[in-house]
Amino acid sequence: MTRPGELKLSHLFQPGNIGMFATGNRIKYGACCVSNYNTRDGFITARELARTKVIAGTGCGIITNQGAYP
């Protein structure tokens, strides 16, 4: 079964590399400011890690985290 867009954009679903890092596909989940679960001194909290794990389960090959800020 083909997913929407898979034929037209098949290259996005192929493995890729960024320098020495390998990705399962070329789909990126961009950093967004929907949460600020990090600490003021720049550490990731258990809540932010849990959020990132949920995002990782979506199948994105690359995830960027938002910055910590006061």
N, C-alpha and C. Protein backbone atom coordinates (compact mmCIF):
# COMPACT_ATOMS: atom_id res chain seq x y z
N MET A 1 0.84 -1.18 0.00
CA MET A 1 0.00 0.00 0.00
C MET A 1 0.89 1.24 0.00
N THR A 2 0.59 2.16 -0.86
CA THR A 2 1.36 3.40 -0.98
C THR A 2 0.71 4.50 -0.15
N ARG A 3 1.52 5.22 0.59
CA ARG A 3 1.02 6.34 1.38
C ARG A 3 0.95 7.59 0.50
N PRO A 4 0.08 8.55 0.87
CA PRO A 4 -0.02 9.78 0.07
C PRO A 4 1.34 10.46 -0.11
N GLY A 5 1.66 10.81 -1.32
CA GLY A 5 2.89 11.52 -1.62
C GLY A 5 4.12 10.64 -1.76
N GLU A 6 4.00 9.37 -1.44
CA GLU A 6 5.17 8.49 -1.43
C GLU A 6 5.78 8.30 -2.82
N LEU A 7 4.97 8.20 -3.84
CA LEU A 7 5.51 8.02 -5.19
C LEU A 7 6.18 9.29 -5.70
N LYS A 8 5.51 10.42 -5.54
CA LYS A 8 6.03 11.68 -6.05
C LYS A 8 7.28 12.13 -5.29
N LEU A 9 7.31 11.86 -4.00
CA LEU A 9 8.42 12.32 -3.15
C LEU A 9 9.19 11.14 -2.56
N SER A 10 9.36 10.10 -3.33
CA SER A 10 9.96 8.86 -2.82
C SER A 10 11.36 9.07 -2.25
N HIS A 11 12.10 10.06 -2.75
CA HIS A 11 13.45 10.30 -2.24
C HIS A 11 13.43 10.72 -0.76
N LEU A 12 12.33 11.30 -0.29
CA LEU A 12 12.25 11.70 1.12
C LEU A 12 12.20 10.50 2.05
N PHE A 13 11.75 9.37 1.54
CA PHE A 13 11.61 8.17 2.35
C PHE A 13 12.84 7.27 2.29
N GLN A 14 13.88 7.71 1.60
CA GLN A 14 15.11 6.94 1.48
C GLN A 14 16.08 7.33 2.59
N PRO A 15 16.94 6.42 3.03
CA PRO A 15 17.96 6.76 4.03
C PRO A 15 18.87 7.86 3.51
N GLY A 16 19.43 8.62 4.43
CA GLY A 16 20.33 9.70 4.07
C GLY A 16 21.43 9.87 5.10
N ASN A 17 22.36 10.74 4.81
CA ASN A 17 23.47 11.03 5.73
C ASN A 17 23.64 12.53 5.88
N ILE A 18 23.99 12.93 7.08
CA ILE A 18 24.40 14.30 7.36
C ILE A 18 25.76 14.17 8.04
N GLY A 19 26.80 14.41 7.27
CA GLY A 19 28.14 14.19 7.81
C GLY A 19 28.29 12.72 8.17
N MET A 20 28.66 12.45 9.42
CA MET A 20 28.86 11.07 9.86
C MET A 20 27.59 10.44 10.43
N PHE A 21 26.47 11.17 10.43
CA PHE A 21 25.22 10.66 10.98
C PHE A 21 24.33 10.11 9.88
N ALA A 22 23.77 8.93 10.12
CA ALA A 22 22.86 8.30 9.17
C ALA A 22 21.42 8.49 9.65
N THR A 23 20.51 8.69 8.71
CA THR A 23 19.10 8.81 9.04
C THR A 23 18.31 7.75 8.28
N GLY A 24 17.20 7.32 8.86
CA GLY A 24 16.36 6.32 8.22
C GLY A 24 15.59 6.88 7.04
N ASN A 25 15.36 8.19 7.05
CA ASN A 25 14.70 8.87 5.95
C ASN A 25 15.12 10.34 5.99
N ARG A 26 14.59 11.14 5.11
CA ARG A 26 15.01 12.55 5.02
C ARG A 26 13.92 13.51 5.50
N ILE A 27 13.05 13.01 6.35
CA ILE A 27 11.97 13.83 6.88
C ILE A 27 12.41 14.41 8.22
N LYS A 28 12.28 15.73 8.35
CA LYS A 28 12.75 16.43 9.55
C LYS A 28 11.58 17.02 10.32
N TYR A 29 11.59 16.80 11.61
CA TYR A 29 10.65 17.47 12.51
C TYR A 29 11.39 18.68 13.04
N GLY A 30 10.94 19.84 12.69
CA GLY A 30 11.62 21.08 13.07
C GLY A 30 11.36 21.48 14.51
N ALA A 31 12.31 22.18 15.08
CA ALA A 31 12.13 22.72 16.43
C ALA A 31 11.00 23.73 16.42
N CYS A 32 10.18 23.68 17.43
CA CYS A 32 9.09 24.64 17.55
C CYS A 32 8.92 25.00 19.02
N CYS A 33 8.32 26.08 19.27
CA CYS A 33 8.20 26.59 20.64
C CYS A 33 6.84 26.28 21.24
N VAL A 34 6.40 25.04 21.13
CA VAL A 34 5.13 24.66 21.73
C VAL A 34 5.30 24.27 23.19
N SER A 35 6.53 24.09 23.60
CA SER A 35 6.81 23.75 24.99
C SER A 35 8.10 24.43 25.41
N ASN A 36 8.27 24.57 26.66
CA ASN A 36 9.56 25.00 27.21
C ASN A 36 9.81 24.15 28.43
N TYR A 37 10.00 22.86 28.19
CA TYR A 37 10.16 21.90 29.28
C TYR A 37 11.61 21.74 29.69
N ASN A 38 12.50 22.53 29.14
CA ASN A 38 13.91 22.48 29.52
C ASN A 38 14.14 23.38 30.72
N THR A 39 15.27 23.18 31.40
CA THR A 39 15.57 24.02 32.55
C THR A 39 16.18 25.34 32.10
N ARG A 40 16.16 26.31 32.96
CA ARG A 40 16.70 27.64 32.63
C ARG A 40 18.20 27.61 32.35
N ASP A 41 18.89 26.62 32.91
CA ASP A 41 20.34 26.54 32.66
C ASP A 41 20.69 25.60 31.50
N GLY A 42 19.68 25.23 30.69
CA GLY A 42 19.95 24.53 29.43
C GLY A 42 19.88 23.03 29.44
N PHE A 43 19.39 22.42 30.51
CA PHE A 43 19.31 20.97 30.56
C PHE A 43 17.92 20.48 30.13
N ILE A 44 17.88 19.28 29.60
CA ILE A 44 16.61 18.69 29.17
C ILE A 44 15.98 17.98 30.35
N THR A 45 14.70 18.20 30.57
CA THR A 45 13.98 17.56 31.66
C THR A 45 13.37 16.24 31.20
N ALA A 46 12.90 15.46 32.16
CA ALA A 46 12.24 14.19 31.83
C ALA A 46 11.00 14.44 30.97
N ARG A 47 10.30 15.54 31.22
CA ARG A 47 9.11 15.87 30.44
C ARG A 47 9.47 16.16 28.97
N GLU A 48 10.54 16.90 28.75
CA GLU A 48 10.98 17.19 27.37
C GLU A 48 11.46 15.91 26.69
N LEU A 49 12.14 15.05 27.42
CA LEU A 49 12.60 13.78 26.85
C LEU A 49 11.39 12.92 26.45
N ALA A 50 10.36 12.89 27.29
CA ALA A 50 9.15 12.14 26.96
C ALA A 50 8.50 12.69 25.70
N ARG A 51 8.45 14.00 25.57
CA ARG A 51 7.89 14.65 24.38
C ARG A 51 8.69 14.28 23.14
N THR A 52 10.00 14.28 23.25
CA THR A 52 10.87 13.93 22.13
C THR A 52 10.67 12.47 21.72
N LYS A 53 10.48 11.59 22.69
CA LYS A 53 10.23 10.17 22.38
C LYS A 53 8.94 10.00 21.60
N VAL A 54 7.92 10.77 21.94
CA VAL A 54 6.65 10.71 21.19
C VAL A 54 6.88 11.16 19.75
N ILE A 55 7.63 12.25 19.58
CA ILE A 55 7.93 12.76 18.24
C ILE A 55 8.74 11.72 17.46
N ALA A 56 9.70 11.08 18.12
CA ALA A 56 10.52 10.07 17.45
C ALA A 56 9.66 8.91 16.95
N GLY A 57 8.58 8.62 17.64
CA GLY A 57 7.69 7.54 17.23
C GLY A 57 6.90 7.84 15.97
N THR A 58 6.93 9.08 15.50
CA THR A 58 6.19 9.44 14.29
C THR A 58 6.89 8.95 13.03
N GLY A 59 8.16 8.60 13.13
CA GLY A 59 8.89 8.11 11.98
C GLY A 59 9.81 9.12 11.32
N CYS A 60 9.92 10.31 11.89
CA CYS A 60 10.84 11.31 11.33
C CYS A 60 12.27 10.81 11.41
N GLY A 61 13.05 11.07 10.39
CA GLY A 61 14.44 10.67 10.39
C GLY A 61 15.33 11.62 11.18
N ILE A 62 14.92 12.87 11.29
CA ILE A 62 15.72 13.90 11.97
C ILE A 62 14.79 14.72 12.87
N ILE A 63 15.21 14.93 14.10
CA ILE A 63 14.44 15.76 15.03
C ILE A 63 15.38 16.81 15.60
N THR A 64 14.97 18.06 15.56
CA THR A 64 15.75 19.11 16.22
C THR A 64 14.96 19.59 17.42
N ASN A 65 15.67 19.78 18.52
CA ASN A 65 15.06 20.23 19.76
C ASN A 65 15.12 21.74 19.84
N GLN A 66 14.14 22.31 20.48
CA GLN A 66 14.15 23.76 20.70
C GLN A 66 15.18 24.09 21.77
N GLY A 67 15.56 25.32 21.86
CA GLY A 67 16.52 25.75 22.86
C GLY A 67 15.87 25.97 24.21
N ALA A 68 16.66 25.94 25.23
CA ALA A 68 16.18 26.27 26.57
C ALA A 68 16.34 27.77 26.77
N TYR A 69 15.36 28.38 27.34
CA TYR A 69 15.41 29.83 27.55
C TYR A 69 14.59 30.18 28.78
N PRO A 70 14.88 31.31 29.41
CA PRO A 70 14.15 31.70 30.62
C PRO A 70 12.74 32.18 30.31
